[in-house]
Amino acid sequence: MQSGKSDSFKKLSKKLILDLQNGYELEKIKRVITSELITTYGISVNENDVEEITELVYSWYDK
């Protein structure tokens, strides 16, 4: 598994925040998270885990 660099986390955070500000739906956010976990961090993802992560991010932003 690749280790994530601080810049990678910042890049993902900025992308998610911009996407949320632009009103992207949960499905789009889920695709972004899945893509980043696989391509940037080399993490194999489970559909249920990604769904849970997406819900957490979405609810965090919605507060």
C-alpha atoms as a PDB file:
ATOM      1  CA  MET A   1       0.000   0.000   0.000  1.00  0.00           C
ATOM      2  CA  GLN A   2       1.277   3.428  -0.882  1.00  0.00           C
ATOM      3  CA  SER A   3       1.642   5.934   1.892  1.00  0.00           C
ATOM      4  CA  GLY A   4      -0.216   9.181   1.465  1.00  0.00           C
ATOM      5  CA  LYS A   5       1.722  12.397   1.521  1.00  0.00           C
ATOM      6  CA  SER A   6       0.381  15.456   3.269  1.00  0.00           C
ATOM      7  CA  ASP A   7      -0.080  17.172  -0.096  1.00  0.00           C
ATOM      8  CA  SER A   8      -2.256  14.276  -1.269  1.00  0.00           C
ATOM      9  CA  PHE A   9      -4.562  14.721   1.718  1.00  0.00           C
ATOM     10  CA  LYS A  10      -4.761  18.466   1.103  1.00  0.00           C
ATOM     11  CA  LYS A  11      -5.536  17.914  -2.571  1.00  0.00           C
ATOM     12  CA  LEU A  12      -8.325  15.451  -1.791  1.00  0.00           C
ATOM     13  CA  SER A  13      -9.751  17.704   0.929  1.00  0.00           C
ATOM     14  CA  LYS A  14      -9.803  20.732  -1.359  1.00  0.00           C
ATOM     15  CA  LYS A  15     -11.408  18.735  -4.168  1.00  0.00           C
ATOM     16  CA  LEU A  16     -14.134  17.367  -1.892  1.00  0.00           C
ATOM     17  CA  ILE A  17     -14.888  20.773  -0.385  1.00  0.00           C
ATOM     18  CA  LEU A  18     -15.120  22.393  -3.827  1.00  0.00           C
ATOM     19  CA  ASP A  19     -17.329  19.580  -5.089  1.00  0.00           C
ATOM     20  CA  LEU A  20     -19.606  19.925  -2.070  1.00  0.00           C
ATOM     21  CA  GLN A  21     -19.781  23.705  -2.506  1.00  0.00           C
ATOM     22  CA  ASN A  22     -20.741  23.151  -6.140  1.00  0.00           C
ATOM     23  CA  GLY A  23     -23.674  21.060  -4.993  1.00  0.00           C
ATOM     24  CA  TYR A  24     -22.441  17.691  -6.219  1.00  0.00           C
ATOM     25  CA  GLU A  25     -24.645  14.787  -5.265  1.00  0.00           C
ATOM     26  CA  LEU A  26     -23.592  11.906  -3.042  1.00  0.00           C
ATOM     27  CA  GLU A  27     -22.958   9.635  -6.028  1.00  0.00           C
ATOM     28  CA  LYS A  28     -20.400  12.055  -7.517  1.00  0.00           C
ATOM     29  CA  ILE A  29     -18.673  12.490  -4.153  1.00  0.00           C
ATOM     30  CA  LYS A  30     -18.576   8.713  -3.764  1.00  0.00           C
ATOM     31  CA  ARG A  31     -16.890   8.344  -7.183  1.00  0.00           C
ATOM     32  CA  VAL A  32     -14.294  10.974  -6.259  1.00  0.00           C
ATOM     33  CA  ILE A  33     -13.505   9.230  -2.962  1.00  0.00           C
ATOM     34  CA  THR A  34     -13.309   5.809  -4.624  1.00  0.00           C
ATOM     35  CA  SER A  35     -11.045   7.082  -7.373  1.00  0.00           C
ATOM     36  CA  GLU A  36      -8.679   8.839  -4.975  1.00  0.00           C
ATOM     37  CA  LEU A  37      -8.414   5.877  -2.616  1.00  0.00           C
ATOM     38  CA  ILE A  38      -7.558   3.567  -5.496  1.00  0.00           C
ATOM     39  CA  THR A  39      -5.329   5.760  -7.666  1.00  0.00           C
ATOM     40  CA  THR A  40      -3.581   7.963  -5.120  1.00  0.00           C
ATOM     41  CA  TYR A  41      -3.330   5.662  -2.116  1.00  0.00           C
ATOM     42  CA  GLY A  42      -3.479   2.227  -3.735  1.00  0.00           C
ATOM     43  CA  ILE A  43      -6.255   1.132  -1.387  1.00  0.00           C
ATOM     44  CA  SER A  44      -8.709  -1.539  -2.434  1.00  0.00           C
ATOM     45  CA  VAL A  45     -12.171  -0.301  -1.594  1.00  0.00           C
ATOM     46  CA  ASN A  46     -15.374  -1.993  -0.541  1.00  0.00           C
ATOM     47  CA  GLU A  47     -18.652  -0.463  -1.782  1.00  0.00           C
ATOM     48  CA  ASN A  48     -20.112  -0.358   1.747  1.00  0.00           C
ATOM     49  CA  ASP A  49     -17.002   1.310   3.175  1.00  0.00           C
ATOM     50  CA  VAL A  50     -17.024   3.982   0.485  1.00  0.00           C
ATOM     51  CA  GLU A  51     -20.723   4.570   1.085  1.00  0.00           C
ATOM     52  CA  GLU A  52     -20.040   5.070   4.803  1.00  0.00           C
ATOM     53  CA  ILE A  53     -17.083   7.395   4.169  1.00  0.00           C
ATOM     54  CA  THR A  54     -19.168   9.418   1.715  1.00  0.00           C
ATOM     55  CA  GLU A  55     -22.011   9.770   4.221  1.00  0.00           C
ATOM     56  CA  LEU A  56     -19.543  10.910   6.904  1.00  0.00           C
ATOM     57  CA  VAL A  57     -17.974  13.510   4.624  1.00  0.00           C
ATOM     58  CA  TYR A  58     -21.359  14.728   3.427  1.00  0.00           C
ATOM     59  CA  SER A  59     -22.769  15.012   6.965  1.00  0.00           C
ATOM     60  CA  TRP A  60     -19.595  16.767   8.174  1.00  0.00           C
ATOM     61  CA  TYR A  61     -19.929  19.362   5.426  1.00  0.00           C
ATOM     62  CA  ASP A  62     -23.673  19.775   5.980  1.00  0.00           C
ATOM     63  CA  LYS A  63     -23.194  20.854   9.623  1.00  0.00           C
END
